[in-house]
């Protein structure tokens, strides 16, 4: 087995484990669950820049939850082969929470890198479509991100270059969140 196929196997295992964790947290806490990762293509999922961006995303989410008086019931943050991930159980209906996460994804300078999945108490993922929102756009063109991803319209290097460009632009704003 090549090194790259071994890494990809570890990423797939981490994704399976994340799905199990999501189901378990919903069953234990019986609340809306936010599962937060980053949109990073390729095998390189862990580096200090990505961890910093993930922390910023958690900070933004928690600040918005506070503003909306939504109680955080439980939180887990961990690093896996698939990168940084966070699980936040909250006391609020899933559609309201999805509106909050979609607004962060749409309006923050780094929002395109954030991937907030919201699940209701039945374990069903809430879609943007349920809120009447359009699909997310590709990082590089105006097409659907899903379509570009599935067709591999852009190379991993092109996407990573754009991601690092976004990170650099944000870092140059000199905003510190830890």
N, C-alpha and C. Protein backbone atom coordinates (compact mmCIF):
# COMPACT_ATOMS: atom_id res chain seq x y z
N UNK A 1 0.84 -1.17 0.00
CA UNK A 1 0.00 0.00 0.00
C UNK A 1 0.89 1.24 0.00
N UNK A 2 0.59 2.18 -0.90
CA UNK A 2 1.38 3.40 -0.96
C UNK A 2 1.06 4.30 0.23
N UNK A 3 1.95 5.23 0.48
CA UNK A 3 1.75 6.15 1.60
C UNK A 3 0.47 6.96 1.41
N UNK A 4 0.23 7.44 0.17
CA UNK A 4 -0.96 8.24 -0.09
C UNK A 4 -2.24 7.43 0.11
N UNK A 5 -2.27 6.18 -0.36
CA UNK A 5 -3.49 5.38 -0.17
C UNK A 5 -3.70 5.07 1.31
N UNK A 6 -2.61 4.96 2.07
CA UNK A 6 -2.73 4.76 3.52
C UNK A 6 -3.33 5.98 4.20
N UNK A 7 -2.90 7.17 3.76
CA UNK A 7 -3.44 8.42 4.30
C UNK A 7 -4.92 8.53 3.96
N UNK A 8 -5.27 8.24 2.71
CA UNK A 8 -6.67 8.32 2.29
C UNK A 8 -7.53 7.33 3.06
N UNK A 9 -6.99 6.15 3.35
CA UNK A 9 -7.72 5.17 4.15
C UNK A 9 -7.97 5.70 5.56
N UNK A 10 -6.97 6.36 6.14
CA UNK A 10 -7.11 6.95 7.47
C UNK A 10 -8.17 8.07 7.46
N UNK A 11 -8.20 8.86 6.40
CA UNK A 11 -9.19 9.93 6.27
C UNK A 11 -10.59 9.32 6.22
N UNK A 12 -10.77 8.26 5.43
CA UNK A 12 -12.08 7.60 5.34
C UNK A 12 -12.51 7.03 6.68
N UNK A 13 -11.57 6.42 7.40
CA UNK A 13 -11.89 5.89 8.73
C UNK A 13 -12.31 7.02 9.67
N UNK A 14 -11.62 8.14 9.59
CA UNK A 14 -11.95 9.29 10.45
C UNK A 14 -13.34 9.81 10.13
N UNK A 15 -13.72 9.81 8.86
CA UNK A 15 -15.07 10.27 8.47
C UNK A 15 -16.14 9.31 8.98
N UNK A 16 -15.86 8.01 8.91
CA UNK A 16 -16.80 7.03 9.45
C UNK A 16 -16.96 7.21 10.96
N UNK A 17 -15.84 7.45 11.63
CA UNK A 17 -15.87 7.67 13.08
C UNK A 17 -16.65 8.94 13.41
N UNK A 18 -16.49 9.99 12.59
CA UNK A 18 -17.24 11.24 12.80
C UNK A 18 -18.74 10.98 12.70
N UNK A 19 -19.16 10.21 11.70
CA UNK A 19 -20.58 9.90 11.53
C UNK A 19 -21.12 9.13 12.75
N UNK A 20 -20.33 8.20 13.28
CA UNK A 20 -20.73 7.47 14.50
C UNK A 20 -20.85 8.43 15.68
N UNK A 21 -19.87 9.32 15.81
CA UNK A 21 -19.86 10.30 16.90
C UNK A 21 -21.10 11.20 16.81
N UNK A 22 -21.44 11.62 15.60
CA UNK A 22 -22.62 12.46 15.42
C UNK A 22 -23.87 11.74 15.93
N UNK A 23 -24.04 10.49 15.53
CA UNK A 23 -25.22 9.72 15.96
C UNK A 23 -25.23 9.56 17.48
N UNK A 24 -24.07 9.24 18.06
CA UNK A 24 -23.98 9.05 19.51
C UNK A 24 -24.32 10.32 20.27
N UNK A 25 -23.80 11.46 19.84
CA UNK A 25 -24.04 12.72 20.54
C UNK A 25 -25.51 13.14 20.46
N UNK A 26 -26.14 12.88 19.34
CA UNK A 26 -27.57 13.18 19.20
C UNK A 26 -28.37 12.27 20.13
N UNK A 27 -28.00 10.99 20.17
CA UNK A 27 -28.72 10.04 21.04
C UNK A 27 -28.52 10.36 22.52
N UNK A 28 -27.33 10.77 22.90
CA UNK A 28 -27.04 11.06 24.31
C UNK A 28 -27.72 12.35 24.76
N UNK A 29 -27.57 13.42 24.00
CA UNK A 29 -28.02 14.74 24.44
C UNK A 29 -29.41 15.12 23.94
N UNK A 30 -29.90 14.44 22.91
CA UNK A 30 -31.24 14.71 22.36
C UNK A 30 -31.45 16.19 22.04
N UNK A 31 -30.43 16.78 21.42
CA UNK A 31 -30.46 18.19 21.04
C UNK A 31 -29.95 18.33 19.61
N UNK A 32 -30.10 19.54 19.08
CA UNK A 32 -29.52 19.86 17.78
C UNK A 32 -28.00 19.73 17.89
N UNK A 33 -27.39 19.17 16.84
CA UNK A 33 -25.94 18.99 16.81
C UNK A 33 -25.34 19.77 15.66
N UNK A 34 -24.28 20.51 15.96
CA UNK A 34 -23.48 21.16 14.92
C UNK A 34 -22.17 20.39 14.82
N UNK A 35 -21.87 19.91 13.62
CA UNK A 35 -20.61 19.22 13.37
C UNK A 35 -19.81 20.14 12.45
N UNK A 36 -18.63 20.56 12.92
CA UNK A 36 -17.87 21.58 12.22
C UNK A 36 -16.50 21.08 11.79
N UNK A 37 -16.24 21.17 10.49
CA UNK A 37 -14.94 20.84 9.91
C UNK A 37 -14.60 21.95 8.91
N UNK A 38 -13.48 21.79 8.23
CA UNK A 38 -13.08 22.74 7.20
C UNK A 38 -13.20 22.09 5.83
N UNK A 39 -13.47 22.91 4.82
CA UNK A 39 -13.48 22.46 3.43
C UNK A 39 -12.06 22.54 2.91
N UNK A 40 -11.32 21.44 3.05
CA UNK A 40 -9.94 21.39 2.59
C UNK A 40 -9.77 20.14 1.72
N UNK A 41 -9.48 20.31 0.44
CA UNK A 41 -9.31 19.15 -0.43
C UNK A 41 -7.94 18.50 -0.24
N UNK A 42 -7.83 17.28 -0.73
CA UNK A 42 -6.54 16.60 -0.72
C UNK A 42 -6.25 15.85 0.57
N UNK A 43 -5.06 15.31 0.64
CA UNK A 43 -4.67 14.46 1.76
C UNK A 43 -4.12 15.24 2.94
N UNK A 44 -3.63 16.46 2.72
CA UNK A 44 -3.06 17.28 3.80
C UNK A 44 -4.20 17.97 4.53
N UNK A 45 -4.57 17.43 5.69
CA UNK A 45 -5.70 17.96 6.44
C UNK A 45 -5.28 18.65 7.74
N UNK A 46 -4.06 18.42 8.17
CA UNK A 46 -3.62 18.92 9.46
C UNK A 46 -2.40 19.81 9.32
N UNK A 47 -2.55 21.06 9.68
CA UNK A 47 -1.41 21.96 9.80
C UNK A 47 -1.83 23.13 10.70
N UNK A 48 -0.89 23.89 11.21
CA UNK A 48 -1.22 24.97 12.15
C UNK A 48 -2.17 26.02 11.57
N UNK A 49 -2.08 26.31 10.28
CA UNK A 49 -2.99 27.29 9.66
C UNK A 49 -4.42 26.79 9.71
N UNK A 50 -4.62 25.52 9.37
CA UNK A 50 -5.97 24.97 9.38
C UNK A 50 -6.53 24.92 10.81
N UNK A 51 -5.68 24.58 11.77
CA UNK A 51 -6.13 24.55 13.17
C UNK A 51 -6.55 25.95 13.62
N UNK A 52 -5.78 26.95 13.24
CA UNK A 52 -6.12 28.33 13.61
C UNK A 52 -7.45 28.74 12.99
N UNK A 53 -7.65 28.42 11.72
CA UNK A 53 -8.90 28.77 11.03
C UNK A 53 -10.07 28.05 11.69
N UNK A 54 -9.87 26.80 12.08
CA UNK A 54 -10.93 26.04 12.75
C UNK A 54 -11.29 26.69 14.08
N UNK A 55 -10.27 27.12 14.84
CA UNK A 55 -10.53 27.81 16.12
C UNK A 55 -11.31 29.10 15.90
N UNK A 56 -10.98 29.81 14.84
CA UNK A 56 -11.71 31.05 14.52
C UNK A 56 -13.17 30.72 14.24
N UNK A 57 -13.41 29.65 13.48
CA UNK A 57 -14.78 29.24 13.17
C UNK A 57 -15.57 28.90 14.43
N UNK A 58 -14.94 28.18 15.36
CA UNK A 58 -15.61 27.84 16.62
C UNK A 58 -15.93 29.11 17.41
N UNK A 59 -14.96 30.02 17.46
CA UNK A 59 -15.16 31.28 18.17
C UNK A 59 -16.35 32.05 17.58
N UNK A 60 -16.37 32.19 16.25
CA UNK A 60 -17.46 32.92 15.59
C UNK A 60 -18.80 32.26 15.88
N UNK A 61 -18.84 30.94 15.81
CA UNK A 61 -20.08 30.20 16.08
C UNK A 61 -20.54 30.42 17.51
N UNK A 62 -19.63 30.27 18.46
CA UNK A 62 -20.01 30.42 19.87
C UNK A 62 -20.47 31.84 20.18
N UNK A 63 -19.83 32.83 19.57
CA UNK A 63 -20.25 34.22 19.76
C UNK A 63 -21.67 34.44 19.24
N UNK A 64 -21.95 33.88 18.08
CA UNK A 64 -23.29 34.04 17.49
C UNK A 64 -24.34 33.28 18.31
N UNK A 65 -23.99 32.11 18.81
CA UNK A 65 -24.92 31.36 19.66
C UNK A 65 -25.25 32.19 20.92
N UNK A 66 -24.22 32.81 21.51
CA UNK A 66 -24.44 33.66 22.70
C UNK A 66 -25.38 34.81 22.37
N UNK A 67 -25.13 35.48 21.23
CA UNK A 67 -25.97 36.61 20.83
C UNK A 67 -27.44 36.19 20.68
N UNK A 68 -27.64 34.97 20.24
CA UNK A 68 -29.00 34.45 20.01
C UNK A 68 -29.56 33.76 21.25
N UNK A 69 -28.82 33.81 22.36
CA UNK A 69 -29.24 33.16 23.62
C UNK A 69 -29.47 31.66 23.45
N UNK A 70 -28.61 31.04 22.67
CA UNK A 70 -28.69 29.60 22.47
C UNK A 70 -27.66 28.95 23.39
N UNK A 71 -28.14 28.05 24.23
CA UNK A 71 -27.28 27.41 25.23
C UNK A 71 -26.48 26.27 24.61
N UNK A 72 -25.17 26.32 24.87
CA UNK A 72 -24.28 25.23 24.48
C UNK A 72 -24.37 24.15 25.56
N UNK A 73 -24.78 22.96 25.17
CA UNK A 73 -24.99 21.86 26.11
C UNK A 73 -23.73 21.02 26.27
N UNK A 74 -23.03 20.79 25.15
CA UNK A 74 -21.86 19.92 25.16
C UNK A 74 -20.99 20.26 23.96
N UNK A 75 -19.67 20.15 24.15
CA UNK A 75 -18.73 20.49 23.07
C UNK A 75 -17.54 19.55 23.11
N UNK A 76 -17.15 19.09 21.93
CA UNK A 76 -15.93 18.29 21.77
C UNK A 76 -15.16 18.89 20.60
N UNK A 77 -13.85 19.09 20.78
CA UNK A 77 -12.98 19.53 19.69
C UNK A 77 -11.84 18.54 19.64
N UNK A 78 -11.54 18.04 18.44
CA UNK A 78 -10.46 17.06 18.31
C UNK A 78 -9.84 17.15 16.92
N UNK A 79 -8.67 16.53 16.80
CA UNK A 79 -7.97 16.48 15.52
C UNK A 79 -7.90 15.02 15.10
N UNK A 80 -8.29 14.78 13.84
CA UNK A 80 -8.27 13.43 13.29
C UNK A 80 -7.47 13.44 11.99
N UNK A 81 -7.37 12.30 11.35
CA UNK A 81 -6.70 12.22 10.05
C UNK A 81 -7.41 13.08 9.01
N UNK A 82 -8.70 13.38 9.26
CA UNK A 82 -9.48 14.21 8.33
C UNK A 82 -9.46 15.68 8.76
N UNK A 83 -8.61 16.03 9.70
CA UNK A 83 -8.46 17.42 10.11
C UNK A 83 -9.16 17.72 11.42
N UNK A 84 -9.22 19.00 11.73
CA UNK A 84 -9.87 19.47 12.95
C UNK A 84 -11.38 19.29 12.83
N UNK A 85 -11.98 18.87 13.94
CA UNK A 85 -13.44 18.75 13.94
C UNK A 85 -13.97 19.14 15.32
N UNK A 86 -15.18 19.67 15.31
CA UNK A 86 -15.85 20.05 16.55
C UNK A 86 -17.29 19.59 16.49
N UNK A 87 -17.80 19.24 17.66
CA UNK A 87 -19.19 18.82 17.81
C UNK A 87 -19.78 19.67 18.91
N UNK A 88 -20.86 20.38 18.60
CA UNK A 88 -21.51 21.22 19.58
C UNK A 88 -22.99 20.87 19.65
N UNK A 89 -23.43 20.38 20.80
CA UNK A 89 -24.85 20.15 21.04
C UNK A 89 -25.42 21.43 21.62
N UNK A 90 -26.54 21.89 21.06
CA UNK A 90 -27.14 23.15 21.49
C UNK A 90 -28.64 22.99 21.71
N UNK A 91 -29.17 23.82 22.63
CA UNK A 91 -30.60 23.83 22.91
C UNK A 91 -31.30 24.85 22.02
N UNK A 92 -31.60 24.46 20.81
CA UNK A 92 -32.33 25.31 19.87
C UNK A 92 -32.81 24.42 18.73
N UNK A 93 -33.80 24.92 18.02
CA UNK A 93 -34.28 24.12 16.88
C UNK A 93 -33.25 24.15 15.76
N UNK A 94 -33.21 23.09 15.01
CA UNK A 94 -32.16 22.90 14.00
C UNK A 94 -32.23 23.93 12.87
N UNK A 95 -33.42 24.38 12.49
CA UNK A 95 -33.52 25.36 11.40
C UNK A 95 -32.92 26.71 11.82
N UNK A 96 -33.17 27.13 13.05
CA UNK A 96 -32.58 28.38 13.54
C UNK A 96 -31.06 28.27 13.57
N UNK A 97 -30.56 27.14 14.00
CA UNK A 97 -29.11 26.93 14.06
C UNK A 97 -28.52 26.91 12.66
N UNK A 98 -29.19 26.27 11.72
CA UNK A 98 -28.70 26.23 10.34
C UNK A 98 -28.64 27.65 9.75
N UNK A 99 -29.61 28.49 10.08
CA UNK A 99 -29.58 29.89 9.61
C UNK A 99 -28.33 30.59 10.12
N UNK A 100 -27.98 30.34 11.37
CA UNK A 100 -26.79 30.96 11.96
C UNK A 100 -25.53 30.46 11.26
N UNK A 101 -25.41 29.15 11.09
CA UNK A 101 -24.19 28.61 10.49
C UNK A 101 -24.07 29.01 9.02
N UNK A 102 -25.19 29.03 8.31
CA UNK A 102 -25.15 29.45 6.90
C UNK A 102 -24.74 30.91 6.78
N UNK A 103 -25.20 31.74 7.71
CA UNK A 103 -24.83 33.16 7.68
C UNK A 103 -23.33 33.33 7.90
N UNK A 104 -22.76 32.54 8.80
CA UNK A 104 -21.31 32.61 9.02
C UNK A 104 -20.58 32.17 7.75
N UNK A 105 -21.03 31.07 7.16
CA UNK A 105 -20.39 30.56 5.94
C UNK A 105 -20.47 31.59 4.81
N UNK A 106 -21.58 32.30 4.73
CA UNK A 106 -21.79 33.24 3.63
C UNK A 106 -21.13 34.60 3.85
N UNK A 107 -21.04 35.04 5.10
CA UNK A 107 -20.68 36.43 5.36
C UNK A 107 -19.28 36.68 5.92
N UNK A 108 -18.65 35.66 6.45
CA UNK A 108 -17.31 35.88 7.01
C UNK A 108 -16.25 35.68 5.93
N UNK A 109 -15.13 36.41 6.07
CA UNK A 109 -14.06 36.32 5.07
C UNK A 109 -13.54 34.89 4.89
N UNK A 110 -13.57 34.11 5.95
CA UNK A 110 -13.10 32.72 5.88
C UNK A 110 -14.26 31.73 5.74
N UNK A 111 -15.47 32.24 5.66
CA UNK A 111 -16.66 31.39 5.67
C UNK A 111 -16.69 30.30 4.62
N UNK A 112 -16.06 30.56 3.49
CA UNK A 112 -16.05 29.56 2.42
C UNK A 112 -15.26 28.31 2.83
N UNK A 113 -14.37 28.48 3.81
CA UNK A 113 -13.57 27.34 4.29
C UNK A 113 -14.30 26.54 5.37
N UNK A 114 -15.32 27.16 5.98
CA UNK A 114 -16.04 26.51 7.06
C UNK A 114 -17.08 25.54 6.52
N UNK A 115 -17.22 24.40 7.20
CA UNK A 115 -18.26 23.43 6.85
C UNK A 115 -19.02 23.07 8.11
N UNK A 116 -20.14 23.76 8.32
CA UNK A 116 -21.00 23.51 9.47
C UNK A 116 -22.14 22.60 9.02
N UNK A 117 -22.20 21.40 9.54
CA UNK A 117 -23.33 20.52 9.30
C UNK A 117 -24.21 20.55 10.53
N UNK A 118 -25.51 20.70 10.33
CA UNK A 118 -26.46 20.78 11.43
C UNK A 118 -27.41 19.59 11.32
N UNK A 119 -27.61 18.93 12.48
CA UNK A 119 -28.49 17.76 12.54
C UNK A 119 -29.60 18.01 13.56
N UNK A 120 -30.81 17.59 13.21
CA UNK A 120 -31.92 17.73 14.16
C UNK A 120 -31.89 16.58 15.16
N UNK A 121 -32.82 16.57 16.10
CA UNK A 121 -32.82 15.57 17.17
C UNK A 121 -33.09 14.16 16.65
N UNK A 122 -33.59 14.05 15.43
CA UNK A 122 -33.80 12.72 14.81
C UNK A 122 -32.55 12.24 14.08
N UNK A 123 -31.52 13.09 14.05
CA UNK A 123 -30.29 12.73 13.37
C UNK A 123 -30.29 13.06 11.89
N UNK A 124 -31.29 13.81 11.44
CA UNK A 124 -31.38 14.19 10.03
C UNK A 124 -30.61 15.49 9.80
N UNK A 125 -29.81 15.50 8.74
CA UNK A 125 -29.05 16.70 8.42
C UNK A 125 -29.97 17.75 7.81
N UNK A 126 -29.82 18.98 8.27
CA UNK A 126 -30.61 20.10 7.77
C UNK A 126 -29.87 20.70 6.57
N UNK A 127 -30.59 20.84 5.47
CA UNK A 127 -29.94 21.35 4.26
C UNK A 127 -30.19 22.85 4.09
N UNK A 128 -29.34 23.46 3.32
CA UNK A 128 -29.52 24.87 2.97
C UNK A 128 -30.82 25.05 2.19
N UNK A 129 -31.17 24.06 1.41
CA UNK A 129 -32.38 24.11 0.59
C UNK A 129 -33.63 24.28 1.47
N UNK A 130 -33.61 23.65 2.66
CA UNK A 130 -34.76 23.77 3.58
C UNK A 130 -34.97 25.21 4.04
N UNK A 131 -33.94 26.03 3.95
CA UNK A 131 -34.03 27.44 4.33
C UNK A 131 -34.24 28.33 3.10
N UNK A 132 -34.33 27.70 1.93
CA UNK A 132 -34.48 28.47 0.71
C UNK A 132 -33.18 29.10 0.24
N UNK A 133 -32.06 28.57 0.73
CA UNK A 133 -30.76 29.10 0.36
C UNK A 133 -30.18 28.33 -0.82
N UNK A 134 -29.41 29.00 -1.68
CA UNK A 134 -28.78 28.30 -2.80
C UNK A 134 -27.64 27.40 -2.31
N UNK A 135 -27.25 26.48 -3.17
CA UNK A 135 -26.09 25.64 -2.87
C UNK A 135 -24.86 26.53 -2.74
N UNK A 136 -23.87 26.01 -2.04
CA UNK A 136 -22.62 26.77 -1.91
C UNK A 136 -21.90 26.82 -3.25
N UNK A 137 -21.24 27.94 -3.49
CA UNK A 137 -20.50 28.14 -4.73
C UNK A 137 -19.08 27.61 -4.60
N UNK A 138 -18.53 27.23 -5.72
CA UNK A 138 -17.14 26.78 -5.79
C UNK A 138 -16.22 27.92 -5.35
N UNK A 139 -15.13 27.55 -4.76
CA UNK A 139 -14.12 28.50 -4.29
C UNK A 139 -13.47 29.26 -5.45
N UNK A 140 -13.43 28.63 -6.63
CA UNK A 140 -12.71 29.21 -7.76
C UNK A 140 -13.59 29.76 -8.88
N UNK A 141 -14.80 29.23 -9.00
CA UNK A 141 -15.68 29.70 -10.07
C UNK A 141 -17.08 29.87 -9.49
N UNK A 142 -18.01 30.21 -10.30
CA UNK A 142 -19.35 30.49 -9.79
C UNK A 142 -20.28 29.27 -9.85
N UNK A 143 -19.74 28.13 -10.22
CA UNK A 143 -20.56 26.92 -10.29
C UNK A 143 -20.82 26.37 -8.90
N UNK A 144 -21.66 25.37 -8.83
CA UNK A 144 -21.94 24.68 -7.58
C UNK A 144 -20.66 23.98 -7.09
N UNK A 145 -20.38 24.13 -5.79
CA UNK A 145 -19.20 23.49 -5.21
C UNK A 145 -19.29 21.97 -5.36
N UNK A 146 -20.49 21.42 -5.19
CA UNK A 146 -20.66 19.97 -5.31
C UNK A 146 -20.35 19.50 -6.73
N UNK A 147 -20.85 20.23 -7.71
CA UNK A 147 -20.62 19.85 -9.10
C UNK A 147 -19.14 19.90 -9.43
N UNK A 148 -18.48 20.99 -9.04
CA UNK A 148 -17.04 21.11 -9.31
C UNK A 148 -16.25 20.02 -8.60
N UNK A 149 -16.63 19.74 -7.35
CA UNK A 149 -15.93 18.72 -6.58
C UNK A 149 -16.07 17.34 -7.19
N UNK A 150 -17.28 17.00 -7.56
CA UNK A 150 -17.52 15.67 -8.13
C UNK A 150 -16.84 15.49 -9.48
N UNK A 151 -16.84 16.56 -10.29
CA UNK A 151 -16.25 16.47 -11.63
C UNK A 151 -14.74 16.70 -11.62
N UNK A 152 -14.22 17.09 -10.45
CA UNK A 152 -12.79 17.42 -10.30
C UNK A 152 -12.37 18.47 -11.34
N UNK A 153 -13.22 19.47 -11.46
CA UNK A 153 -13.01 20.56 -12.42
C UNK A 153 -11.71 21.31 -12.13
N UNK A 154 -11.36 21.42 -10.85
CA UNK A 154 -10.15 22.14 -10.44
C UNK A 154 -9.21 21.18 -9.74
N UNK A 155 -7.92 21.42 -9.88
CA UNK A 155 -6.94 20.56 -9.21
C UNK A 155 -6.89 20.89 -7.72
N UNK A 156 -6.40 19.94 -6.94
CA UNK A 156 -6.21 20.16 -5.51
C UNK A 156 -5.27 21.33 -5.29
N UNK A 157 -4.22 21.42 -6.09
CA UNK A 157 -3.26 22.53 -5.95
C UNK A 157 -3.92 23.89 -6.19
N UNK A 158 -4.79 23.97 -7.22
CA UNK A 158 -5.49 25.23 -7.48
C UNK A 158 -6.35 25.62 -6.28
N UNK A 159 -7.07 24.65 -5.74
CA UNK A 159 -7.95 24.91 -4.59
C UNK A 159 -7.14 25.29 -3.35
N UNK A 160 -6.07 24.56 -3.09
CA UNK A 160 -5.23 24.88 -1.93
C UNK A 160 -4.59 26.25 -2.06
N UNK A 161 -4.18 26.62 -3.26
CA UNK A 161 -3.62 27.96 -3.47
C UNK A 161 -4.64 29.03 -3.10
N UNK A 162 -5.89 28.82 -3.49
CA UNK A 162 -6.95 29.77 -3.17
C UNK A 162 -7.21 29.79 -1.65
N UNK A 163 -7.19 28.63 -1.03
CA UNK A 163 -7.40 28.54 0.42
C UNK A 163 -6.31 29.32 1.15
N UNK A 164 -5.05 29.11 0.76
CA UNK A 164 -3.95 29.82 1.41
C UNK A 164 -4.00 31.32 1.12
N UNK A 165 -4.49 31.68 -0.04
CA UNK A 165 -4.67 33.10 -0.36
C UNK A 165 -5.71 33.72 0.58
N UNK A 166 -6.82 33.02 0.82
CA UNK A 166 -7.84 33.51 1.76
C UNK A 166 -7.28 33.63 3.17
N UNK A 167 -6.52 32.62 3.57
CA UNK A 167 -5.92 32.63 4.92
C UNK A 167 -4.95 33.79 5.04
N UNK A 168 -4.11 34.00 4.02
CA UNK A 168 -3.14 35.10 4.05
C UNK A 168 -3.85 36.45 4.11
N UNK A 169 -4.89 36.63 3.31
CA UNK A 169 -5.64 37.90 3.33
C UNK A 169 -6.23 38.13 4.71
N UNK A 170 -6.78 37.11 5.30
CA UNK A 170 -7.38 37.23 6.63
C UNK A 170 -6.30 37.53 7.67
N UNK A 171 -5.19 36.82 7.59
CA UNK A 171 -4.09 37.02 8.54
C UNK A 171 -3.54 38.44 8.47
N UNK A 172 -3.55 39.00 7.27
CA UNK A 172 -3.05 40.36 7.09
C UNK A 172 -3.95 41.40 7.73
N UNK A 173 -5.19 41.00 8.05
CA UNK A 173 -6.08 41.91 8.76
C UNK A 173 -5.67 42.05 10.21
N UNK A 174 -4.76 41.18 10.65
CA UNK A 174 -4.20 41.21 11.99
C UNK A 174 -5.27 41.03 13.06
N UNK A 175 -6.13 40.07 12.86
CA UNK A 175 -7.14 39.75 13.85
C UNK A 175 -6.72 38.49 14.58
N UNK A 176 -6.66 38.56 15.88
CA UNK A 176 -6.24 37.40 16.65
C UNK A 176 -7.41 36.80 17.40
N UNK A 177 -7.61 35.53 17.20
CA UNK A 177 -8.60 34.76 17.94
C UNK A 177 -7.92 33.48 18.34
N UNK A 178 -8.00 33.15 19.60
CA UNK A 178 -7.37 31.91 20.03
C UNK A 178 -8.38 31.01 20.70
